[in-house]
Amino acid sequence: MASPKPWKVANSQLLHDGQPWLSLHGETVQLPDGREVAPYYRIDMRDFAIVHATTRTDDVLVLNLYRHGPRRIELALPGGLIDDGETPLEAAERELMEETGYRAANWRTLGSYVMNSNYGCGRCHVFMASEAEQIAKPDSGDLEDAELLLMSSHDLLCAVGEGRVGVIGHAAAIAMVTATKAGFPVTDCL
């Protein structure tokens, strides 16, 4: 079997500009065998950070809030968009503080990942933080009201299995931290 080859973008046209949130492009792509596909859609969205943060007693900081994408109240990890000029880590630290009022002493990246293999949809930067302590009241300024919960890692992993964490980036971050704590650290592979 032949090794895969990248596709080439022959043309890209902006179809919708919904900045700063998203833009939609229609592309003409050339496949390695010479065929052209048009339109092939690409969705550009802002990158964001997700933080799996634990306290000194190893409780995980979790938000219980309404998410309009899945249209339900569910559990999520702190996180949000990366502002212009910010590094992913700076955004993660800021979002943790805004959404929970906590600051963590130790930070570790678990990588960055595209949210949709066909359309893009921004990169998710996943962080693991520990020894978090509350130093302020949460003040996210977000549209949704969030209830801050402290959960054990076991209960949070069970919540993923029960479908109470409905966004793949959050479920993946929880699974990655669980694997890391079980002795299979994904960052050893980075």
Protein backbone atom coordinates (compact mmCIF):
# COMPACT_ATOMS: atom_id res chain seq x y z
CA MET A 1 0.00 0.00 0.00
CA ALA A 2 1.35 3.45 -0.92
CA SER A 3 2.23 6.03 1.71
CA PRO A 4 -0.35 8.81 2.07
CA LYS A 5 0.36 12.14 0.41
CA PRO A 6 -1.00 15.56 1.33
CA TRP A 7 -3.72 17.23 -0.67
CA LYS A 8 -3.01 20.51 -2.44
CA VAL A 9 -5.25 23.56 -2.13
CA ALA A 10 -5.73 25.00 -5.62
CA ASN A 11 -8.11 27.75 -4.57
CA SER A 12 -9.70 29.08 -1.39
CA GLN A 13 -12.59 31.51 -1.18
CA LEU A 14 -13.94 33.18 1.96
CA LEU A 15 -17.64 32.30 2.08
CA HIS A 16 -18.51 33.77 5.47
CA ASP A 17 -16.59 36.07 7.79
CA GLY A 18 -17.92 35.71 11.32
CA GLN A 19 -14.78 37.02 13.02
CA PRO A 20 -13.71 37.00 15.72
CA TRP A 21 -15.48 33.65 16.18
CA LEU A 22 -15.23 31.83 12.87
CA SER A 23 -14.83 32.05 9.13
CA LEU A 24 -15.92 29.59 6.48
CA HIS A 25 -13.87 28.91 3.34
CA GLY A 26 -14.77 26.93 0.23
CA GLU A 27 -11.66 25.33 -1.22
CA THR A 28 -10.77 23.47 -4.37
CA VAL A 29 -8.46 20.65 -3.35
CA GLN A 30 -6.40 18.43 -5.61
CA LEU A 31 -6.04 14.84 -4.44
CA PRO A 32 -2.76 12.96 -5.00
CA ASP A 33 -4.40 10.96 -7.83
CA GLY A 34 -5.23 14.18 -9.72
CA ARG A 35 -8.94 14.43 -8.90
CA GLU A 36 -10.31 17.80 -7.75
CA VAL A 37 -12.91 18.24 -5.05
CA ALA A 38 -14.85 21.49 -4.81
CA PRO A 39 -16.12 22.87 -2.64
CA TYR A 40 -14.25 21.33 0.27
CA TYR A 41 -15.08 23.39 3.35
CA ARG A 42 -12.66 24.65 5.99
CA ILE A 43 -13.84 26.32 9.17
CA ASP A 44 -11.34 28.62 10.87
CA MET A 45 -11.98 29.14 14.56
CA ARG A 46 -9.84 30.60 17.31
CA ASP A 47 -7.56 28.31 19.25
CA PHE A 48 -8.43 27.62 22.87
CA ALA A 49 -7.04 26.06 26.03
CA ILE A 50 -8.52 23.47 28.41
CA VAL A 51 -7.17 22.99 31.94
CA HIS A 52 -7.43 19.86 34.08
CA ALA A 53 -6.48 21.44 37.42
CA THR A 54 -6.24 19.71 40.78
CA THR A 55 -6.05 21.16 44.27
CA ARG A 56 -3.45 20.25 46.88
CA THR A 57 -5.89 17.54 48.07
CA ASP A 58 -6.12 16.19 44.49
CA ASP A 59 -9.69 17.34 43.81
CA VAL A 60 -10.36 18.34 40.18
CA LEU A 61 -11.80 21.79 39.44
CA VAL A 62 -14.91 21.19 37.33
CA LEU A 63 -17.59 23.54 36.04
CA ASN A 64 -21.27 22.60 35.90
CA LEU A 65 -22.82 24.86 33.26
CA TYR A 66 -25.08 25.18 30.23
CA ARG A 67 -23.35 24.63 26.87
CA HIS A 68 -25.25 25.86 23.86
CA GLY A 69 -23.46 23.59 21.33
CA PRO A 70 -24.82 20.38 22.88
CA ARG A 71 -27.78 22.39 24.26
CA ARG A 72 -27.64 21.05 27.78
CA ILE A 73 -26.21 21.51 31.24
CA GLU A 74 -23.06 19.45 31.60
CA LEU A 75 -19.66 19.18 33.25
CA ALA A 76 -16.62 20.87 31.73
CA LEU A 77 -13.07 21.75 32.62
CA PRO A 78 -12.02 25.41 32.86
CA GLY A 79 -10.81 26.90 29.61
CA GLY A 80 -11.46 29.31 26.81
CA LEU A 81 -10.18 31.20 23.79
CA ILE A 82 -6.60 32.28 23.41
CA ASP A 83 -6.48 36.07 23.08
CA ASP A 84 -4.32 37.78 20.47
CA GLY A 85 -0.72 37.94 21.69
CA GLU A 86 -1.22 35.27 24.35
CA THR A 87 0.57 31.95 24.48
CA PRO A 88 -1.62 28.90 25.07
CA LEU A 89 -0.20 28.59 28.62
CA GLU A 90 -0.95 32.25 29.39
CA ALA A 91 -4.52 31.73 28.19
CA ALA A 92 -4.87 28.58 30.30
CA GLU A 93 -3.61 30.39 33.41
CA ARG A 94 -5.92 33.35 32.76
CA GLU A 95 -8.97 31.17 32.09
CA LEU A 96 -8.37 29.10 35.22
CA MET A 97 -8.23 32.28 37.30
CA GLU A 98 -11.26 33.89 35.64
CA GLU A 99 -13.50 30.83 35.77
CA THR A 100 -12.51 29.40 39.15
CA GLY A 101 -10.51 32.00 41.09
CA TYR A 102 -7.72 29.41 41.41
CA ARG A 103 -4.03 29.67 40.56
CA ALA A 104 -1.96 26.51 40.08
CA ALA A 105 1.68 26.07 41.03
CA ASN A 106 2.62 23.36 38.49
CA TRP A 107 1.75 23.25 34.79
CA ARG A 108 2.31 20.61 32.15
CA THR A 109 1.24 20.63 28.51
CA LEU A 110 -0.49 17.56 27.12
CA GLY A 111 -0.27 18.81 23.53
CA SER A 112 -2.52 20.57 21.04
CA TYR A 113 -5.09 18.98 18.78
CA VAL A 114 -7.29 19.96 15.84
CA MET A 115 -10.94 19.61 16.78
CA ASN A 116 -12.22 18.25 13.45
CA SER A 117 -10.09 16.24 11.03
CA ASN A 118 -11.93 17.42 7.92
CA TYR A 119 -12.81 21.03 8.67
CA GLY A 120 -10.23 22.22 11.20
CA CYS A 121 -12.29 24.20 13.72
CA GLY A 122 -9.36 25.53 15.77
CA ARG A 123 -6.72 23.88 17.94
CA CYS A 124 -7.36 22.70 21.47
CA HIS A 125 -4.34 23.12 23.79
CA VAL A 126 -4.63 20.76 26.76
CA PHE A 127 -2.95 21.46 30.09
CA MET A 128 -2.60 19.60 33.35
CA ALA A 129 -2.15 21.81 36.43
CA SER A 130 -1.66 20.85 40.07
CA GLU A 131 -1.47 22.35 43.55
CA ALA A 132 -4.19 24.84 42.68
CA GLU A 133 -5.38 27.16 45.42
CA GLN A 134 -8.19 29.66 45.41
CA ILE A 135 -6.96 33.23 45.66
CA ALA A 136 -9.98 35.13 44.29
CA LYS A 137 -13.64 34.76 43.47
CA PRO A 138 -14.46 33.53 39.95
CA ASP A 139 -15.13 36.39 37.51
CA SER A 140 -15.24 34.99 33.99
CA GLY A 141 -17.48 37.55 32.35
CA ASP A 142 -18.83 34.66 30.23
CA LEU A 143 -22.42 34.43 29.08
CA GLU A 144 -23.10 31.24 31.00
CA ASP A 145 -23.44 30.90 34.74
CA ALA A 146 -21.14 28.22 36.08
CA GLU A 147 -21.16 26.30 39.33
CA LEU A 148 -17.67 25.36 40.51
CA LEU A 149 -17.39 21.77 41.73
CA LEU A 150 -14.52 19.89 43.34
CA MET A 151 -14.60 16.27 42.16
CA SER A 152 -12.38 13.26 42.66
CA SER A 153 -10.61 12.04 39.52
CA HIS A 154 -12.58 8.79 39.77
CA ASP A 155 -15.95 10.55 39.93
CA LEU A 156 -15.00 12.80 37.00
CA LEU A 157 -13.93 9.83 34.88
CA CYS A 158 -17.24 8.13 35.76
CA ALA A 159 -19.05 11.32 34.67
CA VAL A 160 -17.34 11.00 31.27
CA GLY A 161 -18.55 7.40 30.99
CA GLU A 162 -22.07 8.44 31.99
CA GLY A 163 -22.17 11.07 29.22
CA ARG A 164 -22.20 14.03 31.63
CA VAL A 165 -19.16 15.54 29.84
CA GLY A 166 -20.44 16.16 26.33
CA VAL A 167 -17.60 18.00 24.58
CA ILE A 168 -14.87 15.79 23.13
CA GLY A 169 -12.00 18.14 24.00
CA HIS A 170 -12.93 18.00 27.68
CA ALA A 171 -13.49 14.24 27.68
CA ALA A 172 -10.16 13.74 25.91
CA ALA A 173 -8.33 15.98 28.40
CA ILE A 174 -9.78 14.01 31.31
CA ALA A 175 -8.75 10.71 29.68
CA MET A 176 -5.23 12.02 28.94
CA VAL A 177 -4.71 13.12 32.55
CA THR A 178 -6.08 9.80 33.80
CA ALA A 179 -3.60 7.94 31.57
CA THR A 180 -0.75 10.18 32.72
CA LYS A 181 -1.55 9.61 36.40
CA ALA A 182 -1.82 5.84 35.74
CA GLY A 183 1.75 5.78 34.47
CA PHE A 184 1.15 6.24 30.75
CA PRO A 185 2.13 9.91 30.34
CA VAL A 186 1.31 11.19 26.87
CA THR A 187 3.90 13.93 27.27
CA ASP A 188 6.67 11.33 27.30
CA CYS A 189 5.82 10.86 23.64
CA LEU A 190 5.90 14.56 22.71
